Amino acid sequence: MAEVSATLRYARISPQKCRLVADTVRGKEASKALSTLKFMPKKGAKLVYKVLWSAVSNAQENAGLDVDDLKVSRILVDAAPMYKRFAARAKGRGTRIIKRNSHITVAVSDGKKD
């Protein structure tokens, strides 16, 4: 079973929001997952679509796999380092704002035993 992956690092979206999108396409056929993501109105869908498209292209070009047989075998959304900022508050104070980032990894496989 050949598994090929693609990774997007330091994506500017929180892992929690991106996992909602990733859960909808986990385990689906690659072509159906791409069409689902294309019409999903979320920011995370656009990012996951690009990574999935890259994984499918990697499988086709580098591993020589047939695109019609590919399935989304693994999809991981991990936390990346956060940006820490401060916002002004009353009486000269400041509060911390945490801007979360993600590492998105998508792996596709043909599902055949070697």
Protein backbone atom coordinates (compact mmCIF):
# COMPACT_ATOMS: atom_id res chain seq x y z
CA MET A 1 0.00 0.00 0.00
CA ALA A 2 1.73 3.14 -1.22
CA GLU A 3 1.06 6.24 0.85
CA VAL A 4 2.04 9.70 -0.39
CA SER A 5 1.66 12.88 1.63
CA ALA A 6 1.82 16.65 1.39
CA THR A 7 2.22 19.17 4.22
CA LEU A 8 1.36 22.82 4.70
CA ARG A 9 3.24 24.32 7.60
CA TYR A 10 2.42 27.46 9.57
CA ALA A 11 -1.05 27.91 8.09
CA ARG A 12 -2.74 30.99 9.57
CA ILE A 13 -5.81 29.24 10.94
CA SER A 14 -6.49 27.77 14.35
CA PRO A 15 -6.25 23.97 14.52
CA GLN A 16 -9.73 23.72 16.04
CA LYS A 17 -11.36 25.44 13.05
CA CYS A 18 -9.32 23.48 10.53
CA ARG A 19 -10.09 20.12 12.17
CA LEU A 20 -13.81 20.69 11.55
CA VAL A 21 -13.08 20.70 7.83
CA ALA A 22 -10.56 17.84 7.99
CA ASP A 23 -13.05 15.56 9.75
CA THR A 24 -15.53 15.87 6.87
CA VAL A 25 -13.14 14.44 4.25
CA ARG A 26 -11.17 11.89 6.29
CA GLY A 27 -11.43 8.42 4.69
CA LYS A 28 -13.21 9.57 1.52
CA GLU A 29 -12.11 9.03 -2.05
CA ALA A 30 -9.74 11.78 -3.15
CA SER A 31 -11.95 13.00 -6.01
CA LYS A 32 -15.04 13.22 -3.79
CA ALA A 33 -13.05 14.93 -1.05
CA LEU A 34 -11.76 17.54 -3.50
CA SER A 35 -15.25 18.31 -4.79
CA THR A 36 -16.60 18.52 -1.22
CA LEU A 37 -13.86 20.95 -0.19
CA LYS A 38 -14.21 23.07 -3.31
CA PHE A 39 -17.77 24.12 -2.43
CA MET A 40 -17.42 24.33 1.35
CA PRO A 41 -17.67 27.97 2.52
CA LYS A 42 -14.91 27.87 5.14
CA LYS A 43 -11.37 29.24 5.14
CA GLY A 44 -10.02 25.89 6.28
CA ALA A 45 -11.61 24.17 3.28
CA LYS A 46 -9.51 26.22 0.87
CA LEU A 47 -6.29 25.38 2.74
CA VAL A 48 -7.06 21.66 3.05
CA TYR A 49 -8.11 21.59 -0.64
CA LYS A 50 -4.69 22.91 -1.69
CA VAL A 51 -2.83 20.37 0.46
CA LEU A 52 -5.01 17.49 -0.76
CA TRP A 53 -4.51 18.58 -4.38
CA SER A 54 -0.75 18.64 -3.77
CA ALA A 55 -0.83 15.14 -2.22
CA VAL A 56 -2.78 13.78 -5.20
CA SER A 57 -0.30 15.40 -7.59
CA ASN A 58 2.62 13.95 -5.63
CA ALA A 59 1.06 10.49 -5.82
CA GLN A 60 0.54 10.80 -9.57
CA GLU A 61 3.90 12.31 -10.50
CA ASN A 62 6.33 10.85 -7.96
CA ALA A 63 4.79 7.47 -7.09
CA GLY A 64 3.01 6.76 -10.38
CA LEU A 65 -0.31 5.93 -8.70
CA ASP A 66 -3.67 6.04 -10.46
CA VAL A 67 -5.67 9.10 -9.37
CA ASP A 68 -9.01 7.27 -9.53
CA ASP A 69 -7.93 4.74 -6.87
CA LEU A 70 -6.71 7.26 -4.28
CA LYS A 71 -8.31 7.69 -0.86
CA VAL A 72 -7.57 10.13 1.95
CA SER A 73 -5.81 7.74 4.32
CA ARG A 74 -4.56 10.25 6.91
CA ILE A 75 -5.29 13.89 7.56
CA LEU A 76 -3.69 15.62 10.52
CA VAL A 77 -4.07 19.17 11.78
CA ASP A 78 -1.50 19.92 14.45
CA ALA A 79 -0.79 23.08 16.40
CA ALA A 80 2.07 25.24 15.15
CA PRO A 81 3.86 27.96 17.12
CA MET A 82 1.53 30.83 18.04
CA TYR A 83 1.90 34.55 17.47
CA LYS A 84 1.57 36.44 20.74
CA ARG A 85 0.33 40.03 20.53
CA PHE A 86 -1.01 42.65 22.91
CA ALA A 87 -4.19 44.69 22.61
CA ALA A 88 -4.69 48.00 24.42
CA ARG A 89 -7.14 48.06 27.31
CA ALA A 90 -8.38 50.68 29.76
CA LYS A 91 -6.10 52.44 32.28
CA GLY A 92 -2.90 51.68 30.38
CA ARG A 93 -3.25 47.94 30.56
CA GLY A 94 -2.82 45.40 27.81
CA THR A 95 -4.22 41.93 27.26
CA ARG A 96 -2.57 39.12 25.40
CA ILE A 97 -3.97 37.99 22.05
CA ILE A 98 -2.89 34.55 20.84
CA LYS A 99 -3.01 34.01 17.09
CA ARG A 100 -2.97 30.27 16.49
CA ASN A 101 -1.32 28.52 13.53
CA SER A 102 -1.57 25.00 12.14
CA HIS A 103 0.46 22.34 10.39
CA ILE A 104 -1.80 20.48 7.92
CA THR A 105 -0.69 17.05 6.67
CA VAL A 106 -2.71 15.05 4.14
CA ALA A 107 -1.75 11.52 3.06
CA VAL A 108 -3.41 9.61 0.22
CA SER A 109 -3.06 5.93 -0.59
CA ASP A 110 -4.34 3.51 -3.21
CA GLY A 111 -5.55 1.02 -0.59
CA LYS A 112 -3.88 -1.94 -2.28
CA LYS A 113 -1.71 -4.41 -0.40
CA ASP A 114 1.85 -4.67 -1.70
